[in-house]
Amino acid sequence: MNSLFQKIFKWMPVVLFFLLIMVDRTNIFHVVGYILLLLSYTAILILRLLYAKKDWHKEYNKDGNVQNNQTIKKLDDLKDNLNEI
């Protein structure tokens, strides 16, 4: 089920593009359906990004050492610190 969802989600921009070309702009149901599909796709994208961001912070800040470590002042220091771990 998850791989099917990922395949559909992967090809959704192409589907949305073809629907944009084929939608009957005088038919209100086509327009509203296309806009709802576009907004739902955008919402799912945003939710996936926010979840990935939250998950990334959980994964790389397990110990809390990164937040409390005063020697980290730039990204290169953080990379060195993560490589040591």
PDB file of N, CA and C in Angstrom:
ATOM      1  N   MET A   1       0.819  -1.193   0.000  1.00  0.00           N
ATOM      2  CA  MET A   1       0.000   0.000   0.000  1.00  0.00           C
ATOM      3  C   MET A   1       0.864   1.257   0.000  1.00  0.00           C
ATOM      4  N   ASN A   2       1.944   1.236   0.801  1.00  0.00           N
ATOM      5  CA  ASN A   2       2.810   2.393   0.896  1.00  0.00           C
ATOM      6  C   ASN A   2       3.531   2.663  -0.424  1.00  0.00           C
ATOM      7  N   SER A   3       3.988   1.620  -1.099  1.00  0.00           N
ATOM      8  CA  SER A   3       4.688   1.826  -2.363  1.00  0.00           C
ATOM      9  C   SER A   3       3.723   2.314  -3.444  1.00  0.00           C
ATOM     10  N   LEU A   4       2.470   1.871  -3.401  1.00  0.00           N
ATOM     11  CA  LEU A   4       1.474   2.356  -4.355  1.00  0.00           C
ATOM     12  C   LEU A   4       1.234   3.850  -4.154  1.00  0.00           C
ATOM     13  N   PHE A   5       1.108   4.261  -2.897  1.00  0.00           N
ATOM     14  CA  PHE A   5       0.932   5.678  -2.590  1.00  0.00           C
ATOM     15  C   PHE A   5       2.134   6.493  -3.057  1.00  0.00           C
ATOM     16  N   GLN A   6       3.334   5.973  -2.864  1.00  0.00           N
ATOM     17  CA  GLN A   6       4.537   6.692  -3.286  1.00  0.00           C
ATOM     18  C   GLN A   6       4.608   6.819  -4.798  1.00  0.00           C
ATOM     19  N   LYS A   7       4.188   5.776  -5.525  1.00  0.00           N
ATOM     20  CA  LYS A   7       4.187   5.846  -6.990  1.00  0.00           C
ATOM     21  C   LYS A   7       3.178   6.869  -7.485  1.00  0.00           C
ATOM     22  N   ILE A   8       2.002   6.867  -6.884  1.00  0.00           N
ATOM     23  CA  ILE A   8       0.983   7.847  -7.270  1.00  0.00           C
ATOM     24  C   ILE A   8       1.477   9.252  -6.958  1.00  0.00           C
ATOM     25  N   PHE A   9       2.058   9.418  -5.781  1.00  0.00           N
ATOM     26  CA  PHE A   9       2.551  10.730  -5.367  1.00  0.00           C
ATOM     27  C   PHE A   9       3.699  11.204  -6.247  1.00  0.00           C
ATOM     28  N   LYS A  10       4.515  10.273  -6.709  1.00  0.00           N
ATOM     29  CA  LYS A  10       5.650  10.602  -7.573  1.00  0.00           C
ATOM     30  C   LYS A  10       5.178  11.123  -8.927  1.00  0.00           C
ATOM     31  N   TRP A  11       4.113  10.533  -9.477  1.00  0.00           N
ATOM     32  CA  TRP A  11       3.621  10.912 -10.797  1.00  0.00           C
ATOM     33  C   TRP A  11       2.540  11.991 -10.757  1.00  0.00           C
ATOM     34  N   MET A  12       2.187  12.459  -9.584  1.00  0.00           N
ATOM     35  CA  MET A  12       1.113  13.438  -9.458  1.00  0.00           C
ATOM     36  C   MET A  12       1.391  14.758 -10.177  1.00  0.00           C
ATOM     37  N   PRO A  13       2.604  15.310 -10.196  1.00  0.00           N
ATOM     38  CA  PRO A  13       2.820  16.547 -10.958  1.00  0.00           C
ATOM     39  C   PRO A  13       2.520  16.374 -12.451  1.00  0.00           C
ATOM     40  N   VAL A  14       2.858  15.230 -13.012  1.00  0.00           N
ATOM     41  CA  VAL A  14       2.565  14.974 -14.426  1.00  0.00           C
ATOM     42  C   VAL A  14       1.060  14.893 -14.638  1.00  0.00           C
ATOM     43  N   VAL A  15       0.374  14.204 -13.735  1.00  0.00           N
ATOM     44  CA  VAL A  15      -1.087  14.086 -13.830  1.00  0.00           C
ATOM     45  C   VAL A  15      -1.729  15.458 -13.709  1.00  0.00           C
ATOM     46  N   LEU A  16      -1.263  16.262 -12.767  1.00  0.00           N
ATOM     47  CA  LEU A  16      -1.819  17.603 -12.596  1.00  0.00           C
ATOM     48  C   LEU A  16      -1.579  18.466 -13.828  1.00  0.00           C
ATOM     49  N   PHE A  17      -0.432  18.307 -14.463  1.00  0.00           N
ATOM     50  CA  PHE A  17      -0.155  19.082 -15.672  1.00  0.00           C
ATOM     51  C   PHE A  17      -1.116  18.697 -16.798  1.00  0.00           C
ATOM     52  N   PHE A  18      -1.305  17.397 -17.015  1.00  0.00           N
ATOM     53  CA  PHE A  18      -2.230  16.974 -18.068  1.00  0.00           C
ATOM     54  C   PHE A  18      -3.671  17.363 -17.750  1.00  0.00           C
ATOM     55  N   LEU A  19      -4.045  17.294 -16.492  1.00  0.00           N
ATOM     56  CA  LEU A  19      -5.384  17.732 -16.115  1.00  0.00           C
ATOM     57  C   LEU A  19      -5.557  19.226 -16.343  1.00  0.00           C
ATOM     58  N   LEU A  20      -4.502  19.996 -16.108  1.00  0.00           N
ATOM     59  CA  LEU A  20      -4.570  21.432 -16.361  1.00  0.00           C
ATOM     60  C   LEU A  20      -4.834  21.715 -17.826  1.00  0.00           C
ATOM     61  N   ILE A  21      -4.231  20.928 -18.699  1.00  0.00           N
ATOM     62  CA  ILE A  21      -4.438  21.104 -20.132  1.00  0.00           C
ATOM     63  C   ILE A  21      -5.838  20.659 -20.534  1.00  0.00           C
ATOM     64  N   MET A  22      -6.337  19.574 -19.948  1.00  0.00           N
ATOM     65  CA  MET A  22      -7.592  18.976 -20.383  1.00  0.00           C
ATOM     66  C   MET A  22      -8.838  19.484 -19.660  1.00  0.00           C
ATOM     67  N   VAL A  23      -8.679  20.197 -18.561  1.00  0.00           N
ATOM     68  CA  VAL A  23      -9.844  20.599 -17.778  1.00  0.00           C
ATOM     69  C   VAL A  23     -10.707  21.578 -18.582  1.00  0.00           C
ATOM     70  N   ASP A  24     -12.010  21.385 -18.488  1.00  0.00           N
ATOM     71  CA  ASP A  24     -12.962  22.277 -19.147  1.00  0.00           C
ATOM     72  C   ASP A  24     -13.198  23.462 -18.223  1.00  0.00           C
ATOM     73  N   ARG A  25     -12.675  24.605 -18.605  1.00  0.00           N
ATOM     74  CA  ARG A  25     -12.712  25.773 -17.713  1.00  0.00           C
ATOM     75  C   ARG A  25     -14.103  26.370 -17.568  1.00  0.00           C
ATOM     76  N   THR A  26     -15.027  25.982 -18.421  1.00  0.00           N
ATOM     77  CA  THR A  26     -16.396  26.474 -18.287  1.00  0.00           C
ATOM     78  C   THR A  26     -17.218  25.590 -17.353  1.00  0.00           C
ATOM     79  N   ASN A  27     -16.756  24.369 -17.094  1.00  0.00           N
ATOM     80  CA  ASN A  27     -17.450  23.449 -16.196  1.00  0.00           C
ATOM     81  C   ASN A  27     -16.935  23.673 -14.777  1.00  0.00           C
ATOM     82  N   ILE A  28     -17.799  24.155 -13.897  1.00  0.00           N
ATOM     83  CA  ILE A  28     -17.397  24.512 -12.535  1.00  0.00           C
ATOM     84  C   ILE A  28     -16.925  23.292 -11.740  1.00  0.00           C
ATOM     85  N   PHE A  29     -17.484  22.105 -12.018  1.00  0.00           N
ATOM     86  CA  PHE A  29     -17.078  20.895 -11.303  1.00  0.00           C
ATOM     87  C   PHE A  29     -15.651  20.495 -11.662  1.00  0.00           C
ATOM     88  N   HIS A  30     -15.268  20.660 -12.916  1.00  0.00           N
ATOM     89  CA  HIS A  30     -13.891  20.366 -13.319  1.00  0.00           C
ATOM     90  C   HIS A  30     -12.918  21.318 -12.634  1.00  0.00           C
ATOM     91  N   VAL A  31     -13.271  22.590 -12.616  1.00  0.00           N
ATOM     92  CA  VAL A  31     -12.382  23.596 -12.033  1.00  0.00           C
ATOM     93  C   VAL A  31     -12.231  23.370 -10.531  1.00  0.00           C
ATOM     94  N   VAL A  32     -13.355  23.168  -9.847  1.00  0.00           N
ATOM     95  CA  VAL A  32     -13.302  22.959  -8.399  1.00  0.00           C
ATOM     96  C   VAL A  32     -12.580  21.652  -8.074  1.00  0.00           C
ATOM     97  N   GLY A  33     -12.819  20.607  -8.843  1.00  0.00           N
ATOM     98  CA  GLY A  33     -12.134  19.336  -8.618  1.00  0.00           C
ATOM     99  C   GLY A  33     -10.634  19.462  -8.817  1.00  0.00           C
ATOM    100  N   TYR A  34     -10.229  20.182  -9.857  1.00  0.00           N
ATOM    101  CA  TYR A  34      -8.800  20.364 -10.106  1.00  0.00           C
ATOM    102  C   TYR A  34      -8.153  21.162  -8.984  1.00  0.00           C
ATOM    103  N   ILE A  35      -8.823  22.220  -8.548  1.00  0.00           N
ATOM    104  CA  ILE A  35      -8.259  23.050  -7.480  1.00  0.00           C
ATOM    105  C   ILE A  35      -8.169  22.254  -6.180  1.00  0.00           C
ATOM    106  N   LEU A  36      -9.181  21.458  -5.864  1.00  0.00           N
ATOM    107  CA  LEU A  36      -9.127  20.638  -4.655  1.00  0.00           C
ATOM    108  C   LEU A  36      -8.008  19.602  -4.734  1.00  0.00           C
ATOM    109  N   LEU A  37      -7.827  18.986  -5.887  1.00  0.00           N
ATOM    110  CA  LEU A  37      -6.744  18.020  -6.063  1.00  0.00           C
ATOM    111  C   LEU A  37      -5.388  18.695  -5.904  1.00  0.00           C
ATOM    112  N   LEU A  38      -5.247  19.869  -6.474  1.00  0.00           N
ATOM    113  CA  LEU A  38      -3.998  20.619  -6.374  1.00  0.00           C
ATOM    114  C   LEU A  38      -3.720  21.036  -4.929  1.00  0.00           C
ATOM    115  N   LEU A  39      -4.730  21.517  -4.226  1.00  0.00           N
ATOM    116  CA  LEU A  39      -4.540  21.929  -2.833  1.00  0.00           C
ATOM    117  C   LEU A  39      -4.254  20.745  -1.923  1.00  0.00           C
ATOM    118  N   SER A  40      -4.901  19.620  -2.169  1.00  0.00           N
ATOM    119  CA  SER A  40      -4.624  18.445  -1.338  1.00  0.00           C
ATOM    120  C   SER A  40      -3.216  17.921  -1.585  1.00  0.00           C
ATOM    121  N   TYR A  41      -2.763  17.930  -2.837  1.00  0.00           N
ATOM    122  CA  TYR A  41      -1.399  17.518  -3.143  1.00  0.00           C
ATOM    123  C   TYR A  41      -0.394  18.439  -2.453  1.00  0.00           C
ATOM    124  N   THR A  42      -0.656  19.738  -2.488  1.00  0.00           N
ATOM    125  CA  THR A  42       0.225  20.704  -1.845  1.00  0.00           C
ATOM    126  C   THR A  42       0.241  20.504  -0.333  1.00  0.00           C
ATOM    127  N   ALA A  43      -0.922  20.251   0.253  1.00  0.00           N
ATOM    128  CA  ALA A  43      -0.993  20.027   1.702  1.00  0.00           C
ATOM    129  C   ALA A  43      -0.215  18.775   2.098  1.00  0.00           C
ATOM    130  N   ILE A  44      -0.327  17.721   1.317  1.00  0.00           N
ATOM    131  CA  ILE A  44       0.415  16.487   1.620  1.00  0.00           C
ATOM    132  C   ILE A  44       1.913  16.729   1.509  1.00  0.00           C
ATOM    133  N   LEU A  45       2.330  17.492   0.511  1.00  0.00           N
ATOM    134  CA  LEU A  45       3.756  17.827   0.377  1.00  0.00           C
ATOM    135  C   LEU A  45       4.260  18.588   1.599  1.00  0.00           C
ATOM    136  N   ILE A  46       3.509  19.581   2.026  1.00  0.00           N
ATOM    137  CA  ILE A  46       3.918  20.384   3.177  1.00  0.00           C
ATOM    138  C   ILE A  46       3.962  19.531   4.438  1.00  0.00           C
ATOM    139  N   LEU A  47       2.960  18.677   4.629  1.00  0.00           N
ATOM    140  CA  LEU A  47       2.946  17.812   5.805  1.00  0.00           C
ATOM    141  C   LEU A  47       4.114  16.835   5.808  1.00  0.00           C
ATOM    142  N   ARG A  48       4.461  16.313   4.634  1.00  0.00           N
ATOM    143  CA  ARG A  48       5.615  15.407   4.564  1.00  0.00           C
ATOM    144  C   ARG A  48       6.911  16.130   4.902  1.00  0.00           C
ATOM    145  N   LEU A  49       7.053  17.375   4.429  1.00  0.00           N
ATOM    146  CA  LEU A  49       8.256  18.147   4.744  1.00  0.00           C
ATOM    147  C   LEU A  49       8.343  18.460   6.235  1.00  0.00           C
ATOM    148  N   LEU A  50       7.229  18.846   6.832  1.00  0.00           N
ATOM    149  CA  LEU A  50       7.245  19.146   8.259  1.00  0.00           C
ATOM    150  C   LEU A  50       7.536  17.906   9.093  1.00  0.00           C
ATOM    151  N   TYR A  51       6.986  16.759   8.688  1.00  0.00           N
ATOM    152  CA  TYR A  51       7.266  15.526   9.411  1.00  0.00           C
ATOM    153  C   TYR A  51       8.738  15.139   9.270  1.00  0.00           C
ATOM    154  N   ALA A  52       9.298  15.289   8.074  1.00  0.00           N
ATOM    155  CA  ALA A  52      10.707  14.956   7.866  1.00  0.00           C
ATOM    156  C   ALA A  52      11.604  15.868   8.697  1.00  0.00           C
ATOM    157  N   LYS A  53      11.238  17.135   8.795  1.00  0.00           N
ATOM    158  CA  LYS A  53      12.016  18.072   9.600  1.00  0.00           C
ATOM    159  C   LYS A  53      11.966  17.675  11.075  1.00  0.00           C
ATOM    160  N   LYS A  54      10.781  17.353  11.555  1.00  0.00           N
ATOM    161  CA  LYS A  54      10.621  16.938  12.954  1.00  0.00           C
ATOM    162  C   LYS A  54      11.373  15.645  13.232  1.00  0.00           C
ATOM    163  N   ASP A  55      11.292  14.714  12.303  1.00  0.00           N
ATOM    164  CA  ASP A  55      11.965  13.438  12.451  1.00  0.00           C
ATOM    165  C   ASP A  55      13.483  13.618  12.422  1.00  0.00           C
ATOM    166  N   TRP A  56      13.968  14.520  11.571  1.00  0.00           N
ATOM    167  CA  TRP A  56      15.401  14.767  11.484  1.00  0.00           C
ATOM    168  C   TRP A  56      15.913  15.330  12.795  1.00  0.00           C
ATOM    169  N   HIS A  57      15.173  16.263  13.365  1.00  0.00           N
ATOM    170  CA  HIS A  57      15.613  16.838  14.640  1.00  0.00           C
ATOM    171  C   HIS A  57      15.585  15.806  15.754  1.00  0.00           C
ATOM    172  N   LYS A  58      14.639  14.894  15.701  1.00  0.00           N
ATOM    173  CA  LYS A  58      14.588  13.823  16.695  1.00  0.00           C
ATOM    174  C   LYS A  58      15.782  12.889  16.547  1.00  0.00           C
ATOM    175  N   GLU A  59      16.133  12.571  15.308  1.00  0.00           N
ATOM    176  CA  GLU A  59      17.194  11.604  15.050  1.00  0.00           C
ATOM    177  C   GLU A  59      18.568  12.141  15.414  1.00  0.00           C
ATOM    178  N   TYR A  60      18.839  13.389  15.063  1.00  0.00           N
ATOM    179  CA  TYR A  60      20.193  13.911  15.253  1.00  0.00           C
ATOM    180  C   TYR A  60      20.374  14.679  16.556  1.00  0.00           C
ATOM    181  N   ASN A  61      19.338  14.807  17.324  1.00  0.00           N
ATOM    182  CA  ASN A  61      19.478  15.478  18.605  1.00  0.00           C
ATOM    183  C   ASN A  61      18.970  14.570  19.719  1.00  0.00           C
ATOM    184  N   LYS A  62      19.320  13.290  19.630  1.00  0.00           N
ATOM    185  CA  LYS A  62      18.864  12.308  20.627  1.00  0.00           C
ATOM    186  C   LYS A  62      19.369  12.653  22.020  1.00  0.00           C
ATOM    187  N   ASP A  63      20.649  12.919  22.108  1.00  0.00           N
ATOM    188  CA  ASP A  63      21.270  13.115  23.409  1.00  0.00           C
ATOM    189  C   ASP A  63      21.044  14.516  23.956  1.00  0.00           C
ATOM    190  N   GLY A  64      20.747  15.448  23.094  1.00  0.00           N
ATOM    191  CA  GLY A  64      20.646  16.832  23.531  1.00  0.00           C
ATOM    192  C   GLY A  64      21.995  17.515  23.575  1.00  0.00           C
ATOM    193  N   ASN A  65      23.039  16.793  23.148  1.00  0.00           N
ATOM    194  CA  ASN A  65      24.386  17.361  23.187  1.00  0.00           C
ATOM    195  C   ASN A  65      24.549  18.509  22.207  1.00  0.00           C
ATOM    196  N   VAL A  66      23.853  18.462  21.106  1.00  0.00           N
ATOM    197  CA  VAL A  66      24.031  19.493  20.081  1.00  0.00           C
ATOM    198  C   VAL A  66      23.482  20.820  20.574  1.00  0.00           C
ATOM    199  N   GLN A  67      22.355  20.807  21.245  1.00  0.00           N
ATOM    200  CA  GLN A  67      21.781  22.060  21.743  1.00  0.00           C
ATOM    201  C   GLN A  67      22.598  22.640  22.889  1.00  0.00           C
ATOM    202  N   ASN A  68      23.096  21.790  23.747  1.00  0.00           N
ATOM    203  CA  ASN A  68      23.802  22.252  24.939  1.00  0.00           C
ATOM    204  C   ASN A  68      25.285  22.486  24.708  1.00  0.00           C
ATOM    205  N   ASN A  69      25.821  22.060  23.566  1.00  0.00           N
ATOM    206  CA  ASN A  69      27.238  22.196  23.286  1.00  0.00           C
ATOM    207  C   ASN A  69      27.526  23.617  22.809  1.00  0.00           C
ATOM    208  N   GLN A  70      28.312  24.354  23.583  1.00  0.00           N
ATOM    209  CA  GLN A  70      28.600  25.751  23.261  1.00  0.00           C
ATOM    210  C   GLN A  70      29.693  25.903  22.205  1.00  0.00           C
ATOM    211  N   THR A  71      30.408  24.813  21.860  1.00  0.00           N
ATOM    212  CA  THR A  71      31.481  24.916  20.870  1.00  0.00           C
ATOM    213  C   THR A  71      30.943  24.938  19.448  1.00  0.00           C
ATOM    214  N   ILE A  72      29.675  24.588  19.263  1.00  0.00           N
ATOM    215  CA  ILE A  72      29.079  24.578  17.923  1.00  0.00           C
ATOM    216  C   ILE A  72      28.560  25.975  17.617  1.00  0.00           C
ATOM    217  N   LYS A  73      29.242  26.633  16.686  1.00  0.00           N
ATOM    218  CA  LYS A  73      28.837  27.977  16.304  1.00  0.00           C
ATOM    219  C   LYS A  73      28.434  28.061  14.837  1.00  0.00           C
ATOM    220  N   LYS A  74      28.826  27.078  14.033  1.00  0.00           N
ATOM    221  CA  LYS A  74      28.465  27.073  12.621  1.00  0.00           C
ATOM    222  C   LYS A  74      28.247  25.632  12.172  1.00  0.00           C
ATOM    223  N   LEU A  75      27.770  25.485  10.966  1.00  0.00           N
ATOM    224  CA  LEU A  75      27.394  24.171  10.459  1.00  0.00           C
ATOM    225  C   LEU A  75      28.591  23.233  10.361  1.00  0.00           C
ATOM    226  N   ASP A  76      29.757  23.743  10.050  1.00  0.00           N
ATOM    227  CA  ASP A  76      30.947  22.902   9.940  1.00  0.00           C
ATOM    228  C   ASP A  76      31.302  22.283  11.292  1.00  0.00           C
ATOM    229  N   ASP A  77      31.127  23.044  12.360  1.00  0.00           N
ATOM    230  CA  ASP A  77      31.356  22.496  13.704  1.00  0.00           C
ATOM    231  C   ASP A  77      30.366  21.380  14.009  1.00  0.00           C
ATOM    232  N   LEU A  78      29.129  21.561  13.575  1.00  0.00           N
ATOM    233  CA  LEU A  78      28.116  20.530  13.782  1.00  0.00           C
ATOM    234  C   LEU A  78      28.455  19.265  13.011  1.00  0.00           C
ATOM    235  N   LYS A  79      28.938  19.417  11.767  1.00  0.00           N
ATOM    236  CA  LYS A  79      29.335  18.253  10.971  1.00  0.00           C
ATOM    237  C   LYS A  79      30.477  17.507  11.639  1.00  0.00           C
ATOM    238  N   ASP A  80      31.463  18.229  12.121  1.00  0.00           N
ATOM    239  CA  ASP A  80      32.590  17.588  12.812  1.00  0.00           C
ATOM    240  C   ASP A  80      32.118  16.854  14.055  1.00  0.00           C
ATOM    241  N   ASN A  81      31.204  17.472  14.777  1.00  0.00           N
ATOM    242  CA  ASN A  81      30.679  16.860  15.988  1.00  0.00           C
ATOM    243  C   ASN A  81      29.899  15.587  15.658  1.00  0.00           C
ATOM    244  N   LEU A  82      29.107  15.603  14.599  1.00  0.00           N
ATOM    245  CA  LEU A  82      28.340  14.424  14.193  1.00  0.00           C
ATOM    246  C   LEU A  82      29.250  13.310  13.671  1.00  0.00           C
ATOM    247  N   ASN A  83      30.347  13.684  13.009  1.00  0.00           N
ATOM    248  CA  ASN A  83      31.286  12.678  12.539  1.00  0.00           C
ATOM    249  C   ASN A  83      32.006  11.985  13.695  1.00  0.00           C
ATOM    250  N   GLU A  84      32.247  12.713  14.775  1.00  0.00           N
ATOM    251  CA  GLU A  84      32.876  12.121  15.946  1.00  0.00           C
ATOM    252  C   GLU A  84      31.957  11.099  16.606  1.00  0.00           C
ATOM    253  N   ILE A  85      30.677  11.392  16.573  1.00  0.00           N
ATOM    254  CA  ILE A  85      29.695  10.485  17.188  1.00  0.00           C
ATOM    255  C   ILE A  85      29.529   9.315  16.285  1.00  0.00           C
TER     256      ILE A  85
END
